[in-house]
Amino acid sequence: MKNMKYETALKRLEEIAEKLDSGSLSLDESLKLFEEATELTAFCSSCLEKAKLKITELTEKKDDNE
């Protein structure tokens, strides 16, 4: 996941949600997808947190320069 982009992870999460919602998967398949979704969710949360921090830094720099 190190080289994955946020948008790619989000798309994969959507795919997993559709598969899980279908109800056609075995328990083992569902658990594997749930585990993957948990990892993707953590990755996306980390990406969003980094973006939030970057925005805060940029905003503070702008305020300091005024």
C-alpha atoms as a PDB file:
ATOM      1  CA  MET A   1       0.000   0.000   0.000  1.00  0.00           C
ATOM      2  CA  LYS A   2       3.035   2.200   0.293  1.00  0.00           C
ATOM      3  CA  ASN A   3       2.846   3.352  -3.338  1.00  0.00           C
ATOM      4  CA  MET A   4      -0.946   3.364  -3.539  1.00  0.00           C
ATOM      5  CA  LYS A   5      -2.785   6.616  -4.094  1.00  0.00           C
ATOM      6  CA  TYR A   6      -5.744   7.712  -2.013  1.00  0.00           C
ATOM      7  CA  GLU A   7      -8.110   7.586  -4.989  1.00  0.00           C
ATOM      8  CA  THR A   8      -7.079   4.019  -5.825  1.00  0.00           C
ATOM      9  CA  ALA A   9      -7.647   2.886  -2.252  1.00  0.00           C
ATOM     10  CA  LEU A  10     -11.028   4.577  -2.137  1.00  0.00           C
ATOM     11  CA  LYS A  11     -12.099   2.903  -5.385  1.00  0.00           C
ATOM     12  CA  ARG A  12     -11.023  -0.484  -4.012  1.00  0.00           C
ATOM     13  CA  LEU A  13     -13.023   0.166  -0.842  1.00  0.00           C
ATOM     14  CA  GLU A  14     -16.093   0.853  -2.980  1.00  0.00           C
ATOM     15  CA  GLU A  15     -15.534  -2.420  -4.869  1.00  0.00           C
ATOM     16  CA  ILE A  16     -15.225  -4.335  -1.607  1.00  0.00           C
ATOM     17  CA  ALA A  17     -18.393  -2.741  -0.229  1.00  0.00           C
ATOM     18  CA  GLU A  18     -20.327  -3.796  -3.336  1.00  0.00           C
ATOM     19  CA  LYS A  19     -19.039  -7.366  -3.068  1.00  0.00           C
ATOM     20  CA  LEU A  20     -19.881  -7.577   0.630  1.00  0.00           C
ATOM     21  CA  ASP A  21     -23.334  -6.095   0.020  1.00  0.00           C
ATOM     22  CA  SER A  22     -24.064  -8.685  -2.659  1.00  0.00           C
ATOM     23  CA  GLY A  23     -24.279 -11.400  -0.028  1.00  0.00           C
ATOM     24  CA  SER A  24     -22.861 -13.947  -2.467  1.00  0.00           C
ATOM     25  CA  LEU A  25     -19.495 -14.443  -0.773  1.00  0.00           C
ATOM     26  CA  SER A  26     -18.487 -17.205   1.565  1.00  0.00           C
ATOM     27  CA  LEU A  27     -17.603 -16.374   5.137  1.00  0.00           C
ATOM     28  CA  ASP A  28     -13.894 -16.804   4.412  1.00  0.00           C
ATOM     29  CA  GLU A  29     -14.058 -14.516   1.376  1.00  0.00           C
ATOM     30  CA  SER A  30     -16.011 -11.943   3.356  1.00  0.00           C
ATOM     31  CA  LEU A  31     -13.468 -11.990   6.181  1.00  0.00           C
ATOM     32  CA  LYS A  32     -10.559 -11.552   3.757  1.00  0.00           C
ATOM     33  CA  LEU A  33     -12.280  -8.606   2.101  1.00  0.00           C
ATOM     34  CA  PHE A  34     -13.187  -7.122   5.474  1.00  0.00           C
ATOM     35  CA  GLU A  35      -9.541  -7.359   6.543  1.00  0.00           C
ATOM     36  CA  GLU A  36      -8.430  -5.663   3.317  1.00  0.00           C
ATOM     37  CA  ALA A  37     -11.067  -2.970   3.794  1.00  0.00           C
ATOM     38  CA  THR A  38      -9.837  -2.320   7.331  1.00  0.00           C
ATOM     39  CA  GLU A  39      -6.292  -1.805   6.051  1.00  0.00           C
ATOM     40  CA  LEU A  40      -7.498   0.430   3.216  1.00  0.00           C
ATOM     41  CA  THR A  41      -9.573   2.488   5.638  1.00  0.00           C
ATOM     42  CA  ALA A  42      -6.549   3.056   7.855  1.00  0.00           C
ATOM     43  CA  PHE A  43      -4.509   4.028   4.793  1.00  0.00           C
ATOM     44  CA  CYS A  44      -7.169   6.500   3.615  1.00  0.00           C
ATOM     45  CA  SER A  45      -7.469   7.997   7.093  1.00  0.00           C
ATOM     46  CA  SER A  46      -3.712   8.482   7.183  1.00  0.00           C
ATOM     47  CA  CYS A  47      -3.759  10.183   3.768  1.00  0.00           C
ATOM     48  CA  LEU A  48      -6.525  12.525   4.865  1.00  0.00           C
ATOM     49  CA  GLU A  49      -4.729  13.360   8.103  1.00  0.00           C
ATOM     50  CA  LYS A  50      -1.541  14.191   6.189  1.00  0.00           C
ATOM     51  CA  ALA A  51      -3.515  16.409   3.816  1.00  0.00           C
ATOM     52  CA  LYS A  52      -5.181  18.148   6.751  1.00  0.00           C
ATOM     53  CA  LEU A  53      -1.798  18.820   8.371  1.00  0.00           C
ATOM     54  CA  LYS A  54      -0.392  20.164   5.105  1.00  0.00           C
ATOM     55  CA  ILE A  55      -3.361  22.523   4.712  1.00  0.00           C
ATOM     56  CA  THR A  56      -2.912  23.699   8.298  1.00  0.00           C
ATOM     57  CA  GLU A  57       0.805  24.331   7.710  1.00  0.00           C
ATOM     58  CA  LEU A  58       0.139  26.264   4.515  1.00  0.00           C
ATOM     59  CA  THR A  59      -2.605  28.300   6.132  1.00  0.00           C
ATOM     60  CA  GLU A  60      -0.385  29.157   9.109  1.00  0.00           C
ATOM     61  CA  LYS A  61       2.488  30.176   6.814  1.00  0.00           C
ATOM     62  CA  LYS A  62       0.130  32.423   4.888  1.00  0.00           C
ATOM     63  CA  ASP A  63      -1.155  34.004   8.110  1.00  0.00           C
ATOM     64  CA  ASP A  64       2.421  34.575   9.337  1.00  0.00           C
ATOM     65  CA  ASN A  65       3.338  36.363   6.126  1.00  0.00           C
ATOM     66  CA  GLU A  66       0.468  38.844   6.373  1.00  0.00           C
END
